Amino acid sequence: MDLRERVVAAVDAGLTQSQAAAVFGVSLRSVERYLARRRATGILAASEQRHGPGADGAPPAAGLAARSAGRRGRCHAGRARGGVPRRQR
């Protein structure tokens, strides 16, 4: 049984939310979130994460290559690499 399920089962069995939090070593806010999720969705499983690299289905490297394609050889200020012109010999 998952920790979330055990915490909610303990509250259902009669423990207060504070007691369940102390017994399972989670915060009171976590217990509140578990109960709210069950009320809202009927399940306790974690939701799917929809952020970070590849969130749009493209591999992470494809996004980076597309973003940096127009900036090759330039620093953040738009100057050529090195920032200072070389001395003439």
N, C-alpha and C. Protein backbone atom coordinates (compact mmCIF):
# COMPACT_ATOMS: atom_id res chain seq x y z
N MET A 1 0.85 -1.18 0.00
CA MET A 1 0.00 0.00 0.00
C MET A 1 0.90 1.24 0.00
N ASP A 2 0.57 2.20 -0.79
CA ASP A 2 1.29 3.45 -0.93
C ASP A 2 1.17 4.28 0.35
N LEU A 3 2.14 5.12 0.63
CA LEU A 3 2.12 5.96 1.82
C LEU A 3 0.85 6.82 1.87
N ARG A 4 0.49 7.41 0.72
CA ARG A 4 -0.73 8.24 0.69
C ARG A 4 -1.94 7.43 1.11
N GLU A 5 -2.03 6.21 0.61
CA GLU A 5 -3.17 5.34 0.95
C GLU A 5 -3.17 4.98 2.42
N ARG A 6 -1.99 4.72 2.99
CA ARG A 6 -1.91 4.38 4.42
C ARG A 6 -2.31 5.56 5.28
N VAL A 7 -1.88 6.76 4.90
CA VAL A 7 -2.23 7.97 5.67
C VAL A 7 -3.73 8.18 5.65
N VAL A 8 -4.34 8.11 4.48
CA VAL A 8 -5.78 8.32 4.35
C VAL A 8 -6.56 7.22 5.08
N ALA A 9 -6.08 5.98 5.00
CA ALA A 9 -6.73 4.87 5.71
C ALA A 9 -6.69 5.09 7.21
N ALA A 10 -5.58 5.63 7.72
CA ALA A 10 -5.47 5.91 9.15
C ALA A 10 -6.46 6.98 9.58
N VAL A 11 -6.62 8.01 8.76
CA VAL A 11 -7.61 9.07 9.07
C VAL A 11 -9.02 8.47 9.02
N ASP A 12 -9.28 7.62 8.04
CA ASP A 12 -10.58 6.96 7.93
C ASP A 12 -10.85 6.07 9.14
N ALA A 13 -9.79 5.50 9.71
CA ALA A 13 -9.92 4.59 10.85
C ALA A 13 -10.10 5.33 12.17
N GLY A 14 -9.96 6.66 12.15
CA GLY A 14 -10.24 7.40 13.37
C GLY A 14 -9.15 8.33 13.86
N LEU A 15 -7.94 8.25 13.30
CA LEU A 15 -6.90 9.19 13.72
C LEU A 15 -7.25 10.59 13.21
N THR A 16 -6.82 11.59 13.96
CA THR A 16 -6.98 12.94 13.45
C THR A 16 -5.92 13.17 12.37
N GLN A 17 -6.08 14.22 11.59
CA GLN A 17 -5.09 14.52 10.56
C GLN A 17 -3.72 14.79 11.18
N SER A 18 -3.68 15.48 12.30
CA SER A 18 -2.41 15.76 12.98
C SER A 18 -1.75 14.48 13.47
N GLN A 19 -2.54 13.58 14.03
CA GLN A 19 -1.99 12.31 14.50
C GLN A 19 -1.44 11.48 13.34
N ALA A 20 -2.18 11.41 12.25
CA ALA A 20 -1.72 10.66 11.08
C ALA A 20 -0.42 11.25 10.54
N ALA A 21 -0.33 12.57 10.52
CA ALA A 21 0.89 13.23 10.04
C ALA A 21 2.07 12.84 10.91
N ALA A 22 1.89 12.83 12.22
CA ALA A 22 2.97 12.48 13.15
C ALA A 22 3.35 11.01 13.02
N VAL A 23 2.38 10.13 12.92
CA VAL A 23 2.64 8.69 12.83
C VAL A 23 3.44 8.35 11.58
N PHE A 24 3.08 8.96 10.44
CA PHE A 24 3.71 8.60 9.17
C PHE A 24 4.86 9.53 8.77
N GLY A 25 5.13 10.54 9.59
CA GLY A 25 6.27 11.42 9.33
C GLY A 25 6.08 12.33 8.14
N VAL A 26 4.86 12.78 7.92
CA VAL A 26 4.58 13.73 6.84
C VAL A 26 4.01 14.99 7.47
N SER A 27 3.92 16.04 6.69
CA SER A 27 3.38 17.28 7.22
C SER A 27 1.85 17.23 7.27
N LEU A 28 1.29 18.06 8.10
CA LEU A 28 -0.16 18.16 8.18
C LEU A 28 -0.72 18.60 6.84
N ARG A 29 -0.03 19.49 6.17
CA ARG A 29 -0.47 19.97 4.86
C ARG A 29 -0.52 18.82 3.85
N SER A 30 0.41 17.88 3.92
CA SER A 30 0.39 16.73 3.01
C SER A 30 -0.86 15.89 3.25
N VAL A 31 -1.19 15.66 4.53
CA VAL A 31 -2.39 14.89 4.84
C VAL A 31 -3.61 15.61 4.28
N GLU A 32 -3.67 16.91 4.44
CA GLU A 32 -4.80 17.68 3.90
C GLU A 32 -4.88 17.54 2.39
N ARG A 33 -3.72 17.59 1.71
CA ARG A 33 -3.71 17.44 0.25
C ARG A 33 -4.18 16.06 -0.19
N TYR A 34 -3.75 15.01 0.53
CA TYR A 34 -4.17 13.66 0.19
C TYR A 34 -5.69 13.53 0.29
N LEU A 35 -6.25 14.06 1.36
CA LEU A 35 -7.70 13.97 1.55
C LEU A 35 -8.45 14.80 0.50
N ALA A 36 -7.92 15.98 0.20
CA ALA A 36 -8.56 16.83 -0.81
C ALA A 36 -8.50 16.19 -2.19
N ARG A 37 -7.37 15.54 -2.51
CA ARG A 37 -7.25 14.87 -3.81
C ARG A 37 -8.27 13.73 -3.91
N ARG A 38 -8.41 12.97 -2.82
CA ARG A 38 -9.37 11.87 -2.86
C ARG A 38 -10.80 12.40 -3.01
N ARG A 39 -11.10 13.49 -2.32
CA ARG A 39 -12.45 14.08 -2.46
C ARG A 39 -12.70 14.57 -3.88
N ALA A 40 -11.71 15.20 -4.47
CA ALA A 40 -11.87 15.81 -5.79
C ALA A 40 -11.86 14.80 -6.93
N THR A 41 -10.96 13.80 -6.85
CA THR A 41 -10.78 12.90 -7.98
C THR A 41 -11.15 11.46 -7.69
N GLY A 42 -11.21 11.11 -6.42
CA GLY A 42 -11.52 9.73 -6.05
C GLY A 42 -10.31 8.82 -6.05
N ILE A 43 -9.13 9.36 -6.40
CA ILE A 43 -7.90 8.56 -6.39
C ILE A 43 -6.82 9.32 -5.64
N LEU A 44 -5.79 8.61 -5.22
CA LEU A 44 -4.70 9.23 -4.48
C LEU A 44 -3.39 9.25 -5.24
N ALA A 45 -3.34 8.62 -6.39
CA ALA A 45 -2.09 8.53 -7.15
C ALA A 45 -1.59 9.92 -7.53
N ALA A 46 -0.29 10.04 -7.61
CA ALA A 46 0.32 11.31 -8.01
C ALA A 46 -0.09 11.66 -9.43
N SER A 47 -0.27 12.94 -9.68
CA SER A 47 -0.64 13.36 -11.03
C SER A 47 0.59 13.33 -11.94
N GLU A 48 0.35 13.25 -13.23
CA GLU A 48 1.42 13.22 -14.21
C GLU A 48 2.10 14.58 -14.24
N GLN A 49 3.44 14.57 -14.25
CA GLN A 49 4.19 15.82 -14.33
C GLN A 49 4.21 16.29 -15.77
N ARG A 50 3.89 17.55 -16.00
CA ARG A 50 3.77 18.07 -17.37
C ARG A 50 4.72 19.24 -17.62
N HIS A 51 5.87 19.20 -17.01
CA HIS A 51 6.83 20.27 -17.24
C HIS A 51 8.23 19.68 -17.41
N GLY A 52 9.16 20.50 -17.76
CA GLY A 52 10.53 20.04 -17.93
C GLY A 52 10.84 19.67 -19.37
N PRO A 53 12.05 19.18 -19.58
CA PRO A 53 12.47 18.83 -20.94
C PRO A 53 11.59 17.75 -21.55
N GLY A 54 11.27 17.93 -22.79
CA GLY A 54 10.49 16.93 -23.51
C GLY A 54 9.01 16.94 -23.18
N ALA A 55 8.51 17.95 -22.50
CA ALA A 55 7.10 18.00 -22.12
C ALA A 55 6.19 18.06 -23.34
N ASP A 56 6.69 18.59 -24.45
CA ASP A 56 5.88 18.69 -25.65
C ASP A 56 6.01 17.45 -26.54
N GLY A 57 6.74 16.45 -26.09
CA GLY A 57 6.90 15.22 -26.86
C GLY A 57 8.20 15.17 -27.64
N ALA A 58 8.85 16.32 -27.82
CA ALA A 58 10.12 16.35 -28.55
C ALA A 58 11.25 15.99 -27.59
N PRO A 59 12.29 15.35 -28.07
CA PRO A 59 13.42 15.05 -27.20
C PRO A 59 14.06 16.34 -26.70
N PRO A 60 14.63 16.35 -25.50
CA PRO A 60 15.20 17.58 -24.93
C PRO A 60 16.23 18.25 -25.83
N ALA A 61 17.07 17.49 -26.50
CA ALA A 61 18.11 18.08 -27.33
C ALA A 61 17.53 18.84 -28.52
N ALA A 62 16.39 18.39 -29.03
CA ALA A 62 15.78 19.07 -30.18
C ALA A 62 15.35 20.49 -29.81
N GLY A 63 14.81 20.66 -28.63
CA GLY A 63 14.38 21.98 -28.19
C GLY A 63 15.55 22.91 -27.99
N LEU A 64 16.63 22.42 -27.41
CA LEU A 64 17.81 23.23 -27.18
C LEU A 64 18.44 23.65 -28.50
N ALA A 65 18.52 22.73 -29.44
CA ALA A 65 19.12 23.05 -30.74
C ALA A 65 18.29 24.11 -31.47
N ALA A 66 16.98 24.02 -31.37
CA ALA A 66 16.12 24.99 -32.05
C ALA A 66 16.25 26.37 -31.42
N ARG A 67 16.38 26.42 -30.09
CA ARG A 67 16.49 27.72 -29.42
C ARG A 67 17.82 28.39 -29.70
N SER A 68 18.89 27.61 -29.80
CA SER A 68 20.21 28.21 -29.94
C SER A 68 20.67 28.33 -31.39
N ALA A 69 19.86 27.92 -32.35
CA ALA A 69 20.28 27.91 -33.75
C ALA A 69 20.67 29.29 -34.24
N GLY A 70 19.96 30.32 -33.83
CA GLY A 70 20.25 31.66 -34.32
C GLY A 70 21.34 32.37 -33.54
N ARG A 71 21.89 31.76 -32.51
CA ARG A 71 22.86 32.44 -31.66
C ARG A 71 24.23 31.81 -31.72
N ARG A 72 24.52 31.03 -32.70
CA ARG A 72 25.81 30.33 -32.76
C ARG A 72 26.96 31.33 -32.79
N GLY A 73 27.95 31.10 -31.94
CA GLY A 73 29.15 31.93 -31.94
C GLY A 73 28.96 33.28 -31.28
N ARG A 74 27.89 33.48 -30.57
CA ARG A 74 27.65 34.76 -29.92
C ARG A 74 27.42 34.57 -28.43
N CYS A 75 27.81 35.52 -27.64
CA CYS A 75 27.56 35.44 -26.21
C CYS A 75 26.20 36.08 -25.91
N HIS A 76 25.85 36.17 -24.67
CA HIS A 76 24.53 36.68 -24.30
C HIS A 76 24.30 38.13 -24.69
N ALA A 77 25.36 38.91 -24.85
CA ALA A 77 25.20 40.32 -25.22
C ALA A 77 25.19 40.53 -26.73
N GLY A 78 25.35 39.46 -27.49
CA GLY A 78 25.29 39.58 -28.94
C GLY A 78 26.63 39.86 -29.60
N ARG A 79 27.69 39.96 -28.79
CA ARG A 79 29.02 40.21 -29.36
C ARG A 79 29.63 38.88 -29.78
N ALA A 80 30.61 38.96 -30.65
CA ALA A 80 31.34 37.75 -31.02
C ALA A 80 32.03 37.18 -29.79
N ARG A 81 32.31 35.88 -29.81
CA ARG A 81 32.95 35.27 -28.65
C ARG A 81 34.24 35.98 -28.29
N GLY A 82 34.49 36.09 -27.01
CA GLY A 82 35.68 36.78 -26.53
C GLY A 82 35.36 38.18 -26.07
N GLY A 83 34.44 38.84 -26.69
CA GLY A 83 33.97 40.16 -26.26
C GLY A 83 34.90 41.30 -26.60
N VAL A 84 36.19 41.07 -26.63
CA VAL A 84 37.15 42.13 -26.89
C VAL A 84 37.87 41.80 -28.21
N PRO A 85 37.96 42.78 -29.11
CA PRO A 85 38.65 42.50 -30.37
C PRO A 85 40.10 42.14 -30.14
N ARG A 86 40.65 41.29 -31.00
CA ARG A 86 42.05 40.92 -30.89
C ARG A 86 42.94 42.06 -31.35
N ARG A 87 44.13 42.09 -30.74
CA ARG A 87 45.08 43.12 -31.17
C ARG A 87 45.62 42.80 -32.54
N GLN A 88 45.90 43.81 -33.27
CA GLN A 88 46.53 43.64 -34.58
C GLN A 88 48.00 43.34 -34.37
N ARG A 89 48.58 42.42 -35.09
CA ARG A 89 49.99 42.08 -34.92
C ARG A 89 50.83 42.83 -35.91
